[in-house]
Each structure stands twice: as C-alpha cells, then as structure tokens.
C-alpha cells in the first residue's frame, strides 16, 4: 500500500487516514498549479483511488486495467470513508458506491 503526493513522491509507511487527510489538504485550495492537484492511494494489485479537489477516481492502473468510475460532490468525511474502505481492503463496500463516469 502506498500514498502518492501531489508531486509524485510515494510513501509506503504511515498509511493512515490522518496522513491521507493531510495530503487532501494539499490539494483543497487552488494555488494556480492545476497540473499537481491530485493525490492517490494504491495497493499491490494496482488498484488506485485518485483524489482530485472535486472528485475521486477508482481504477486499476495496470495496462488494460478496469476504471470503476468517479464520485463527485463528496464531503471531507465521505472522502475519508472511501479511503478507509480502500485501506482496509473492503472492495465490496467500495464497489457498492454509485460510481459514475
């Protein structure tokens, strides 16, 4: 499991919701740098949650991998709940969410 910050640096330790909340704060306020306004959490099977300021993308990032979809308009709590499901490996709960395109 790893986090990727907005500049592409990966972190393999301290995979906690508190750490993710800190990373989310780095993309919450517009600072003129749209190119670097996402962070992600990934597992060893290439499943990935990518967080943008206004949406979350759930996908398998391997070549030919599955894009499950996006969710928009989420509160901070909802974003952290989704991340918690991912970190705990609760893919049934993740897939039950209303992912759209």
PDB file of N, CA and C in Angstrom:
ATOM      1  N   UNK A   1       0.859  -1.160   0.000  1.00  0.00           N
ATOM      2  CA  UNK A   1       0.000   0.000   0.000  1.00  0.00           C
ATOM      3  C   UNK A   1       0.908   1.227   0.000  1.00  0.00           C
ATOM      4  N   UNK A   2       0.506   2.255  -0.750  1.00  0.00           N
ATOM      5  CA  UNK A   2       1.305   3.480  -0.771  1.00  0.00           C
ATOM      6  C   UNK A   2       0.423   4.688  -1.044  1.00  0.00           C
ATOM      7  N   UNK A   3       0.903   5.822  -0.594  1.00  0.00           N
ATOM      8  CA  UNK A   3       0.320   7.115  -0.944  1.00  0.00           C
ATOM      9  C   UNK A   3       1.233   7.766  -1.969  1.00  0.00           C
ATOM     10  N   UNK A   4       0.653   8.524  -2.875  1.00  0.00           N
ATOM     11  CA  UNK A   4       1.428   9.354  -3.793  1.00  0.00           C
ATOM     12  C   UNK A   4       0.973  10.788  -3.579  1.00  0.00           C
ATOM     13  N   UNK A   5       1.917  11.678  -3.262  1.00  0.00           N
ATOM     14  CA  UNK A   5       1.540  13.066  -3.029  1.00  0.00           C
ATOM     15  C   UNK A   5       1.352  13.804  -4.349  1.00  0.00           C
ATOM     16  N   UNK A   6       0.986  15.039  -4.272  1.00  0.00           N
ATOM     17  CA  UNK A   6       0.642  15.803  -5.476  1.00  0.00           C
ATOM     18  C   UNK A   6       1.813  15.991  -6.433  1.00  0.00           C
ATOM     19  N   UNK A   7       3.032  15.768  -5.980  1.00  0.00           N
ATOM     20  CA  UNK A   7       4.199  15.921  -6.846  1.00  0.00           C
ATOM     21  C   UNK A   7       4.786  14.582  -7.277  1.00  0.00           C
ATOM     22  N   UNK A   8       4.114  13.486  -6.946  1.00  0.00           N
ATOM     23  CA  UNK A   8       4.522  12.175  -7.416  1.00  0.00           C
ATOM     24  C   UNK A   8       5.394  11.379  -6.460  1.00  0.00           C
ATOM     25  N   UNK A   9       5.708  11.933  -5.304  1.00  0.00           N
ATOM     26  CA  UNK A   9       6.523  11.197  -4.328  1.00  0.00           C
ATOM     27  C   UNK A   9       5.667  10.141  -3.639  1.00  0.00           C
ATOM     28  N   UNK A  10       6.181   8.914  -3.597  1.00  0.00           N
ATOM     29  CA  UNK A  10       5.448   7.816  -2.964  1.00  0.00           C
ATOM     30  C   UNK A  10       5.895   7.623  -1.525  1.00  0.00           C
ATOM     31  N   UNK A  11       4.931   7.240  -0.706  1.00  0.00           N
ATOM     32  CA  UNK A  11       5.195   6.952   0.702  1.00  0.00           C
ATOM     33  C   UNK A  11       4.597   5.589   1.010  1.00  0.00           C
ATOM     34  N   UNK A  12       5.397   4.678   1.553  1.00  0.00           N
ATOM     35  CA  UNK A  12       4.954   3.313   1.829  1.00  0.00           C
ATOM     36  C   UNK A  12       4.718   3.046   3.309  1.00  0.00           C
ATOM     37  N   UNK A  13       4.999   4.017   4.150  1.00  0.00           N
ATOM     38  CA  UNK A  13       4.726   3.850   5.572  1.00  0.00           C
ATOM     39  C   UNK A  13       3.749   4.944   6.013  1.00  0.00           C
ATOM     40  N   UNK A  14       3.224   4.821   7.209  1.00  0.00           N
ATOM     41  CA  UNK A  14       2.243   5.764   7.739  1.00  0.00           C
ATOM     42  C   UNK A  14       1.005   5.851   6.837  1.00  0.00           C
ATOM     43  N   UNK A  15       0.490   4.693   6.425  1.00  0.00           N
ATOM     44  CA  UNK A  15      -0.706   4.642   5.576  1.00  0.00           C
ATOM     45  C   UNK A  15      -1.923   4.689   6.508  1.00  0.00           C
ATOM     46  N   UNK A  16      -2.262   5.907   6.899  1.00  0.00           N
ATOM     47  CA  UNK A  16      -3.355   6.135   7.835  1.00  0.00           C
ATOM     48  C   UNK A  16      -4.296   7.198   7.291  1.00  0.00           C
ATOM     49  N   UNK A  17      -5.491   7.257   7.852  1.00  0.00           N
ATOM     50  CA  UNK A  17      -6.442   8.287   7.441  1.00  0.00           C
ATOM     51  C   UNK A  17      -5.953   9.677   7.815  1.00  0.00           C
ATOM     52  N   UNK A  18      -5.251   9.789   8.935  1.00  0.00           N
ATOM     53  CA  UNK A  18      -4.701  11.095   9.311  1.00  0.00           C
ATOM     54  C   UNK A  18      -3.705  11.589   8.268  1.00  0.00           C
ATOM     55  N   UNK A  19      -2.855  10.701   7.807  1.00  0.00           N
ATOM     56  CA  UNK A  19      -1.872  11.070   6.770  1.00  0.00           C
ATOM     57  C   UNK A  19      -2.586  11.441   5.484  1.00  0.00           C
ATOM     58  N   UNK A  20      -3.624  10.679   5.109  1.00  0.00           N
ATOM     59  CA  UNK A  20      -4.373  10.994   3.894  1.00  0.00           C
ATOM     60  C   UNK A  20      -5.071  12.343   4.030  1.00  0.00           C
ATOM     61  N   UNK A  21      -5.636  12.626   5.191  1.00  0.00           N
ATOM     62  CA  UNK A  21      -6.284  13.923   5.406  1.00  0.00           C
ATOM     63  C   UNK A  21      -5.290  15.060   5.184  1.00  0.00           C
ATOM     64  N   UNK A  22      -4.062  14.872   5.629  1.00  0.00           N
ATOM     65  CA  UNK A  22      -3.025  15.874   5.390  1.00  0.00           C
ATOM     66  C   UNK A  22      -2.724  16.046   3.916  1.00  0.00           C
ATOM     67  N   UNK A  23      -2.675  14.943   3.187  1.00  0.00           N
ATOM     68  CA  UNK A  23      -2.439  15.025   1.740  1.00  0.00           C
ATOM     69  C   UNK A  23      -3.613  15.686   1.029  1.00  0.00           C
ATOM     70  N   UNK A  24      -4.836  15.375   1.444  1.00  0.00           N
ATOM     71  CA  UNK A  24      -6.012  16.009   0.839  1.00  0.00           C
ATOM     72  C   UNK A  24      -5.980  17.521   1.035  1.00  0.00           C
ATOM     73  N   UNK A  25      -5.500  17.957   2.178  1.00  0.00           N
ATOM     74  CA  UNK A  25      -5.406  19.394   2.444  1.00  0.00           C
ATOM     75  C   UNK A  25      -4.486  20.092   1.445  1.00  0.00           C
ATOM     76  N   UNK A  26      -3.500  19.369   0.902  1.00  0.00           N
ATOM     77  CA  UNK A  26      -2.557  19.988  -0.041  1.00  0.00           C
ATOM     78  C   UNK A  26      -3.189  20.276  -1.391  1.00  0.00           C
ATOM     79  N   UNK A  27      -4.324  19.638  -1.691  1.00  0.00           N
ATOM     80  CA  UNK A  27      -4.983  19.887  -2.990  1.00  0.00           C
ATOM     81  C   UNK A  27      -6.301  20.642  -2.837  1.00  0.00           C
ATOM     82  N   UNK A  28      -6.686  20.941  -1.602  1.00  0.00           N
ATOM     83  CA  UNK A  28      -8.003  21.533  -1.344  1.00  0.00           C
ATOM     84  C   UNK A  28      -8.108  22.985  -1.809  1.00  0.00           C
ATOM     85  N   UNK A  29      -7.045  23.740  -1.689  1.00  0.00           N
ATOM     86  CA  UNK A  29      -7.078  25.169  -2.006  1.00  0.00           C
ATOM     87  C   UNK A  29      -6.367  25.404  -3.334  1.00  0.00           C
ATOM     88  N   UNK A  30      -7.028  26.116  -4.236  1.00  0.00           N
ATOM     89  CA  UNK A  30      -6.427  26.415  -5.540  1.00  0.00           C
ATOM     90  C   UNK A  30      -5.194  27.298  -5.350  1.00  0.00           C
ATOM     91  N   UNK A  31      -4.094  26.867  -5.913  1.00  0.00           N
ATOM     92  CA  UNK A  31      -2.853  27.625  -5.790  1.00  0.00           C
ATOM     93  C   UNK A  31      -2.222  27.921  -7.150  1.00  0.00           C
ATOM     94  N   UNK A  32      -3.015  27.774  -8.224  1.00  0.00           N
ATOM     95  CA  UNK A  32      -2.517  28.055  -9.570  1.00  0.00           C
ATOM     96  C   UNK A  32      -1.828  26.882 -10.226  1.00  0.00           C
ATOM     97  N   UNK A  33      -1.693  25.764  -9.531  1.00  0.00           N
ATOM     98  CA  UNK A  33      -0.974  24.602 -10.049  1.00  0.00           C
ATOM     99  C   UNK A  33      -1.955  23.454 -10.296  1.00  0.00           C
ATOM    100  N   UNK A  34      -2.753  23.575 -11.359  1.00  0.00           N
ATOM    101  CA  UNK A  34      -3.735  22.540 -11.675  1.00  0.00           C
ATOM    102  C   UNK A  34      -3.096  21.213 -12.048  1.00  0.00           C
ATOM    103  N   UNK A  35      -1.883  21.258 -12.582  1.00  0.00           N
ATOM    104  CA  UNK A  35      -1.215  20.024 -13.013  1.00  0.00           C
ATOM    105  C   UNK A  35      -0.929  19.085 -11.841  1.00  0.00           C
ATOM    106  N   UNK A  36      -0.771  19.648 -10.659  1.00  0.00           N
ATOM    107  CA  UNK A  36      -0.403  18.850  -9.484  1.00  0.00           C
ATOM    108  C   UNK A  36      -1.483  18.923  -8.405  1.00  0.00           C
ATOM    109  N   UNK A  37      -2.736  18.672  -8.793  1.00  0.00           N
ATOM    110  CA  UNK A  37      -3.825  18.753  -7.816  1.00  0.00           C
ATOM    111  C   UNK A  37      -4.514  17.410  -7.650  1.00  0.00           C
ATOM    112  N   UNK A  38      -3.730  16.370  -7.492  1.00  0.00           N
ATOM    113  CA  UNK A  38      -4.300  15.063  -7.150  1.00  0.00           C
ATOM    114  C   UNK A  38      -3.315  14.318  -6.254  1.00  0.00           C
ATOM    115  N   UNK A  39      -3.885  13.452  -5.420  1.00  0.00           N
ATOM    116  CA  UNK A  39      -3.090  12.540  -4.601  1.00  0.00           C
ATOM    117  C   UNK A  39      -3.739  11.170  -4.735  1.00  0.00           C
ATOM    118  N   UNK A  40      -3.014  10.120  -4.410  1.00  0.00           N
ATOM    119  CA  UNK A  40      -3.614   8.800  -4.566  1.00  0.00           C
ATOM    120  C   UNK A  40      -3.143   7.839  -3.488  1.00  0.00           C
ATOM    121  N   UNK A  41      -3.939   6.787  -3.337  1.00  0.00           N
ATOM    122  CA  UNK A  41      -3.573   5.646  -2.508  1.00  0.00           C
ATOM    123  C   UNK A  41      -3.711   4.417  -3.401  1.00  0.00           C
ATOM    124  N   UNK A  42      -2.683   3.569  -3.394  1.00  0.00           N
ATOM    125  CA  UNK A  42      -2.637   2.398  -4.283  1.00  0.00           C
ATOM    126  C   UNK A  42      -2.266   1.159  -3.489  1.00  0.00           C
ATOM    127  N   UNK A  43      -2.741   0.007  -3.983  1.00  0.00           N
ATOM    128  CA  UNK A  43      -2.354  -1.249  -3.339  1.00  0.00           C
ATOM    129  C   UNK A  43      -1.426  -2.045  -4.240  1.00  0.00           C
ATOM    130  N   UNK A  44      -0.995  -3.198  -3.776  1.00  0.00           N
ATOM    131  CA  UNK A  44      -0.014  -4.003  -4.514  1.00  0.00           C
ATOM    132  C   UNK A  44      -0.597  -4.666  -5.761  1.00  0.00           C
ATOM    133  N   UNK A  45      -1.918  -4.681  -5.900  1.00  0.00           N
ATOM    134  CA  UNK A  45      -2.560  -5.237  -7.090  1.00  0.00           C
ATOM    135  C   UNK A  45      -2.915  -4.164  -8.119  1.00  0.00           C
ATOM    136  N   UNK A  46      -2.346  -2.968  -7.967  1.00  0.00           N
ATOM    137  CA  UNK A  46      -2.513  -1.828  -8.875  1.00  0.00           C
ATOM    138  C   UNK A  46      -3.891  -1.170  -8.782  1.00  0.00           C
ATOM    139  N   UNK A  47      -4.670  -1.486  -7.730  1.00  0.00           N
ATOM    140  CA  UNK A  47      -5.904  -0.739  -7.508  1.00  0.00           C
ATOM    141  C   UNK A  47      -5.534   0.616  -6.940  1.00  0.00           C
ATOM    142  N   UNK A  48      -6.265   1.637  -7.376  1.00  0.00           N
ATOM    143  CA  UNK A  48      -5.884   3.007  -7.091  1.00  0.00           C
ATOM    144  C   UNK A  48      -7.124   3.864  -6.850  1.00  0.00           C
ATOM    145  N   UNK A  49      -7.052   4.670  -5.809  1.00  0.00           N
ATOM    146  CA  UNK A  49      -8.028   5.743  -5.591  1.00  0.00           C
ATOM    147  C   UNK A  49      -7.272   7.036  -5.817  1.00  0.00           C
ATOM    148  N   UNK A  50      -7.711   7.827  -6.774  1.00  0.00           N
ATOM    149  CA  UNK A  50      -7.067   9.111  -7.037  1.00  0.00           C
ATOM    150  C   UNK A  50      -8.032  10.211  -6.655  1.00  0.00           C
ATOM    151  N   UNK A  51      -7.565  11.075  -5.763  1.00  0.00           N
ATOM    152  CA  UNK A  51      -8.367  12.166  -5.231  1.00  0.00           C
ATOM    153  C   UNK A  51      -7.995  13.469  -5.921  1.00  0.00           C
ATOM    154  N   UNK A  52      -8.984  14.117  -6.486  1.00  0.00           N
ATOM    155  CA  UNK A  52      -8.876  15.455  -7.063  1.00  0.00           C
ATOM    156  C   UNK A  52      -9.704  16.381  -6.182  1.00  0.00           C
ATOM    157  N   UNK A  53      -9.591  17.698  -6.352  1.00  0.00           N
ATOM    158  CA  UNK A  53     -10.373  18.586  -5.491  1.00  0.00           C
ATOM    159  C   UNK A  53     -11.886  18.326  -5.517  1.00  0.00           C
ATOM    160  N   UNK A  54     -12.429  17.905  -6.663  1.00  0.00           N
ATOM    161  CA  UNK A  54     -13.884  17.778  -6.769  1.00  0.00           C
ATOM    162  C   UNK A  54     -14.372  16.384  -7.158  1.00  0.00           C
ATOM    163  N   UNK A  55     -13.466  15.402  -7.155  1.00  0.00           N
ATOM    164  CA  UNK A  55     -13.900  14.039  -7.478  1.00  0.00           C
ATOM    165  C   UNK A  55     -12.879  13.024  -6.975  1.00  0.00           C
ATOM    166  N   UNK A  56     -13.341  11.766  -6.934  1.00  0.00           N
ATOM    167  CA  UNK A  56     -12.480  10.635  -6.593  1.00  0.00           C
ATOM    168  C   UNK A  56     -12.621   9.616  -7.717  1.00  0.00           C
ATOM    169  N   UNK A  57     -11.516   9.131  -8.241  1.00  0.00           N
ATOM    170  CA  UNK A  57     -11.487   8.135  -9.305  1.00  0.00           C
ATOM    171  C   UNK A  57     -11.029   6.803  -8.713  1.00  0.00           C
ATOM    172  N   UNK A  58     -11.764   5.727  -9.021  1.00  0.00           N
ATOM    173  CA  UNK A  58     -11.417   4.371  -8.567  1.00  0.00           C
ATOM    174  C   UNK A  58     -11.091   3.560  -9.802  1.00  0.00           C
ATOM    175  N   UNK A  59      -9.879   2.995  -9.850  1.00  0.00           N
ATOM    176  CA  UNK A  59      -9.435   2.287 -11.047  1.00  0.00           C
ATOM    177  C   UNK A  59      -8.356   1.270 -10.708  1.00  0.00           C
ATOM    178  N   UNK A  60      -8.129   0.378 -11.681  1.00  0.00           N
ATOM    179  CA  UNK A  60      -6.958  -0.479 -11.656  1.00  0.00           C
ATOM    180  C   UNK A  60      -6.002   0.140 -12.664  1.00  0.00           C
ATOM    181  N   UNK A  61      -4.830   0.539 -12.203  1.00  0.00           N
ATOM    182  CA  UNK A  61      -3.920   1.318 -13.045  1.00  0.00           C
ATOM    183  C   UNK A  61      -2.980   0.483 -13.904  1.00  0.00           C
ATOM    184  N   UNK A  62      -3.133  -0.850 -13.911  1.00  0.00           N
ATOM    185  CA  UNK A  62      -2.325  -1.668 -14.811  1.00  0.00           C
ATOM    186  C   UNK A  62      -2.751  -1.409 -16.252  1.00  0.00           C
ATOM    187  N   UNK A  63      -1.878  -1.695 -17.197  1.00  0.00           N
ATOM    188  CA  UNK A  63      -2.223  -1.571 -18.608  1.00  0.00           C
ATOM    189  C   UNK A  63      -3.440  -2.448 -18.872  1.00  0.00           C
ATOM    190  N   UNK A  64      -4.481  -1.872 -19.432  1.00  0.00           N
ATOM    191  CA  UNK A  64      -5.716  -2.611 -19.688  1.00  0.00           C
ATOM    192  C   UNK A  64      -6.570  -2.793 -18.455  1.00  0.00           C
ATOM    193  N   UNK A  65      -6.219  -2.110 -17.356  1.00  0.00           N
ATOM    194  CA  UNK A  65      -6.955  -2.245 -16.100  1.00  0.00           C
ATOM    195  C   UNK A  65      -8.337  -1.610 -16.169  1.00  0.00           C
ATOM    196  N   UNK A  66      -9.145  -1.955 -15.202  1.00  0.00           N
ATOM    197  CA  UNK A  66     -10.531  -1.513 -15.138  1.00  0.00           C
ATOM    198  C   UNK A  66     -10.643  -0.138 -14.483  1.00  0.00           C
ATOM    199  N   UNK A  67     -11.435   0.762 -15.093  1.00  0.00           N
ATOM    200  CA  UNK A  67     -11.801   2.009 -14.440  1.00  0.00           C
ATOM    201  C   UNK A  67     -13.210   1.816 -13.901  1.00  0.00           C
ATOM    202  N   UNK A  68     -13.344   1.789 -12.590  1.00  0.00           N
ATOM    203  CA  UNK A  68     -14.653   1.584 -11.969  1.00  0.00           C
ATOM    204  C   UNK A  68     -15.503   2.835 -12.139  1.00  0.00           C
ATOM    205  N   UNK A  69     -14.920   4.004 -11.915  1.00  0.00           N
ATOM    206  CA  UNK A  69     -15.637   5.248 -12.127  1.00  0.00           C
ATOM    207  C   UNK A  69     -15.218   6.337 -11.160  1.00  0.00           C
ATOM    208  N   UNK A  70     -16.018   7.416 -11.153  1.00  0.00           N
ATOM    209  CA  UNK A  70     -15.742   8.584 -10.326  1.00  0.00           C
ATOM    210  C   UNK A  70     -16.939   8.917  -9.453  1.00  0.00           C
ATOM    211  N   UNK A  71     -16.653   9.565  -8.353  1.00  0.00           N
ATOM    212  CA  UNK A  71     -17.681  10.137  -7.491  1.00  0.00           C
ATOM    213  C   UNK A  71     -17.368  11.615  -7.337  1.00  0.00           C
ATOM    214  N   UNK A  72     -18.405  12.442  -7.375  1.00  0.00           N
ATOM    215  CA  UNK A  72     -18.235  13.891  -7.270  1.00  0.00           C
ATOM    216  C   UNK A  72     -19.077  14.442  -6.122  1.00  0.00           C
ATOM    217  N   UNK A  73     -18.742  15.643  -5.707  1.00  0.00           N
ATOM    218  CA  UNK A  73     -19.533  16.332  -4.700  1.00  0.00           C
ATOM    219  C   UNK A  73     -19.491  15.704  -3.326  1.00  0.00           C
ATOM    220  N   UNK A  74     -18.367  15.124  -2.958  1.00  0.00           N
ATOM    221  CA  UNK A  74     -18.244  14.422  -1.681  1.00  0.00           C
ATOM    222  C   UNK A  74     -17.777  15.367  -0.580  1.00  0.00           C
ATOM    223  N   UNK A  75     -18.264  15.127   0.616  1.00  0.00           N
ATOM    224  CA  UNK A  75     -17.769  15.856   1.778  1.00  0.00           C
ATOM    225  C   UNK A  75     -16.401  15.290   2.158  1.00  0.00           C
ATOM    226  N   UNK A  76     -15.704  15.992   3.026  1.00  0.00           N
ATOM    227  CA  UNK A  76     -14.414  15.502   3.519  1.00  0.00           C
ATOM    228  C   UNK A  76     -14.592  14.155   4.215  1.00  0.00           C
ATOM    229  N   UNK A  77     -15.650  14.014   5.010  1.00  0.00           N
ATOM    230  CA  UNK A  77     -15.921  12.753   5.708  1.00  0.00           C
ATOM    231  C   UNK A  77     -16.157  11.618   4.712  1.00  0.00           C
ATOM    232  N   UNK A  78     -16.932  11.872   3.667  1.00  0.00           N
ATOM    233  CA  UNK A  78     -17.188  10.836   2.660  1.00  0.00           C
ATOM    234  C   UNK A  78     -15.888  10.425   1.970  1.00  0.00           C
ATOM    235  N   UNK A  79     -15.036  11.385   1.670  1.00  0.00           N
ATOM    236  CA  UNK A  79     -13.755  11.076   1.029  1.00  0.00           C
ATOM    237  C   UNK A  79     -12.906  10.187   1.935  1.00  0.00           C
ATOM    238  N   UNK A  80     -12.892  10.517   3.231  1.00  0.00           N
ATOM    239  CA  UNK A  80     -12.121   9.711   4.177  1.00  0.00           C
ATOM    240  C   UNK A  80     -12.756   8.336   4.391  1.00  0.00           C
ATOM    241  N   UNK A  81     -14.080   8.247   4.354  1.00  0.00           N
ATOM    242  CA  UNK A  81     -14.749   6.943   4.459  1.00  0.00           C
ATOM    243  C   UNK A  81     -14.369   6.038   3.285  1.00  0.00           C
ATOM    244  N   UNK A  82     -14.333   6.602   2.088  1.00  0.00           N
ATOM    245  CA  UNK A  82     -13.942   5.843   0.896  1.00  0.00           C
ATOM    246  C   UNK A  82     -12.495   5.373   1.032  1.00  0.00           C
ATOM    247  N   UNK A  83     -11.622   6.262   1.473  1.00  0.00           N
ATOM    248  CA  UNK A  83     -10.215   5.891   1.664  1.00  0.00           C
ATOM    249  C   UNK A  83     -10.079   4.802   2.718  1.00  0.00           C
ATOM    250  N   UNK A  84     -10.865   4.895   3.789  1.00  0.00           N
ATOM    251  CA  UNK A  84     -10.828   3.885   4.843  1.00  0.00           C
ATOM    252  C   UNK A  84     -11.223   2.511   4.292  1.00  0.00           C
ATOM    253  N   UNK A  85     -12.261   2.468   3.476  1.00  0.00           N
ATOM    254  CA  UNK A  85     -12.672   1.198   2.854  1.00  0.00           C
ATOM    255  C   UNK A  85     -11.535   0.625   2.017  1.00  0.00           C
ATOM    256  N   UNK A  86     -10.882   1.480   1.244  1.00  0.00           N
ATOM    257  CA  UNK A  86      -9.782   1.045   0.389  1.00  0.00           C
ATOM    258  C   UNK A  86      -8.616   0.519   1.232  1.00  0.00           C
ATOM    259  N   UNK A  87      -8.211   1.277   2.228  1.00  0.00           N
ATOM    260  CA  UNK A  87      -7.070   0.890   3.066  1.00  0.00           C
ATOM    261  C   UNK A  87      -7.352  -0.427   3.788  1.00  0.00           C
ATOM    262  N   UNK A  88      -8.583  -0.633   4.227  1.00  0.00           N
ATOM    263  CA  UNK A  88      -8.948  -1.879   4.914  1.00  0.00           C
ATOM    264  C   UNK A  88      -9.180  -3.032   3.934  1.00  0.00           C
ATOM    265  N   UNK A  89      -9.187  -2.739   2.622  1.00  0.00           N
ATOM    266  CA  UNK A  89      -9.406  -3.783   1.621  1.00  0.00           C
ATOM    267  C   UNK A  89     -10.862  -4.178   1.461  1.00  0.00           C
ATOM    268  N   UNK A  90     -11.784  -3.300   1.832  1.00  0.00           N
ATOM    269  CA  UNK A  90     -13.218  -3.581   1.734  1.00  0.00           C
ATOM    270  C   UNK A  90     -13.733  -3.187   0.340  1.00  0.00           C
ATOM    271  N   UNK A  91     -13.347  -3.989  -0.646  1.00  0.00           N
ATOM    272  CA  UNK A  91     -13.710  -3.681  -2.032  1.00  0.00           C
ATOM    273  C   UNK A  91     -15.194  -3.893  -2.297  1.00  0.00           C
ATOM    274  N   UNK A  92     -15.863  -4.733  -1.515  1.00  0.00           N
ATOM    275  CA  UNK A  92     -17.314  -4.898  -1.670  1.00  0.00           C
ATOM    276  C   UNK A  92     -18.019  -3.581  -1.349  1.00  0.00           C
ATOM    277  N   UNK A  93     -17.621  -2.928  -0.269  1.00  0.00           N
ATOM    278  CA  UNK A  93     -18.210  -1.630   0.095  1.00  0.00           C
ATOM    279  C   UNK A  93     -17.866  -0.571  -0.953  1.00  0.00           C
ATOM    280  N   UNK A  94     -16.630  -0.577  -1.429  1.00  0.00           N
ATOM    281  CA  UNK A  94     -16.236   0.390  -2.460  1.00  0.00           C
ATOM    282  C   UNK A  94     -17.058   0.212  -3.735  1.00  0.00           C
ATOM    283  N   UNK A  95     -17.171  -1.015  -4.184  1.00  0.00           N
ATOM    284  CA  UNK A  95     -17.923  -1.282  -5.429  1.00  0.00           C
ATOM    285  C   UNK A  95     -19.411  -1.009  -5.296  1.00  0.00           C
ATOM    286  N   UNK A  96     -19.923  -1.022  -4.056  1.00  0.00           N
ATOM    287  CA  UNK A  96     -21.348  -0.756  -3.840  1.00  0.00           C
ATOM    288  C   UNK A  96     -21.682   0.731  -3.950  1.00  0.00           C
ATOM    289  N   UNK A  97     -20.698   1.571  -3.979  1.00  0.00           N
ATOM    290  CA  UNK A  97     -20.929   3.012  -4.117  1.00  0.00           C
ATOM    291  C   UNK A  97     -21.375   3.335  -5.541  1.00  0.00           C
ATOM    292  N   UNK A  98     -22.081   4.446  -5.734  1.00  0.00           N
ATOM    293  CA  UNK A  98     -22.641   4.786  -7.049  1.00  0.00           C
ATOM    294  C   UNK A  98     -21.632   5.431  -8.003  1.00  0.00           C
ATOM    295  N   UNK A  99     -20.597   4.681  -8.365  1.00  0.00           N
ATOM    296  CA  UNK A  99     -19.548   5.202  -9.255  1.00  0.00           C
ATOM    297  C   UNK A  99     -20.154   5.538 -10.605  1.00  0.00           C
ATOM    298  N   UNK A 100     -19.810   6.702 -11.111  1.00  0.00           N
ATOM    299  CA  UNK A 100     -20.259   7.116 -12.441  1.00  0.00           C
ATOM    300  C   UNK A 100     -19.070   7.417 -13.327  1.00  0.00           C
ATOM    301  N   UNK A 101     -19.367   7.848 -14.538  1.00  0.00           N
ATOM    302  CA  UNK A 101     -18.256   8.155 -15.465  1.00  0.00           C
ATOM    303  C   UNK A 101     -17.918   9.626 -15.446  1.00  0.00           C
TER     304      UNK A 101
END
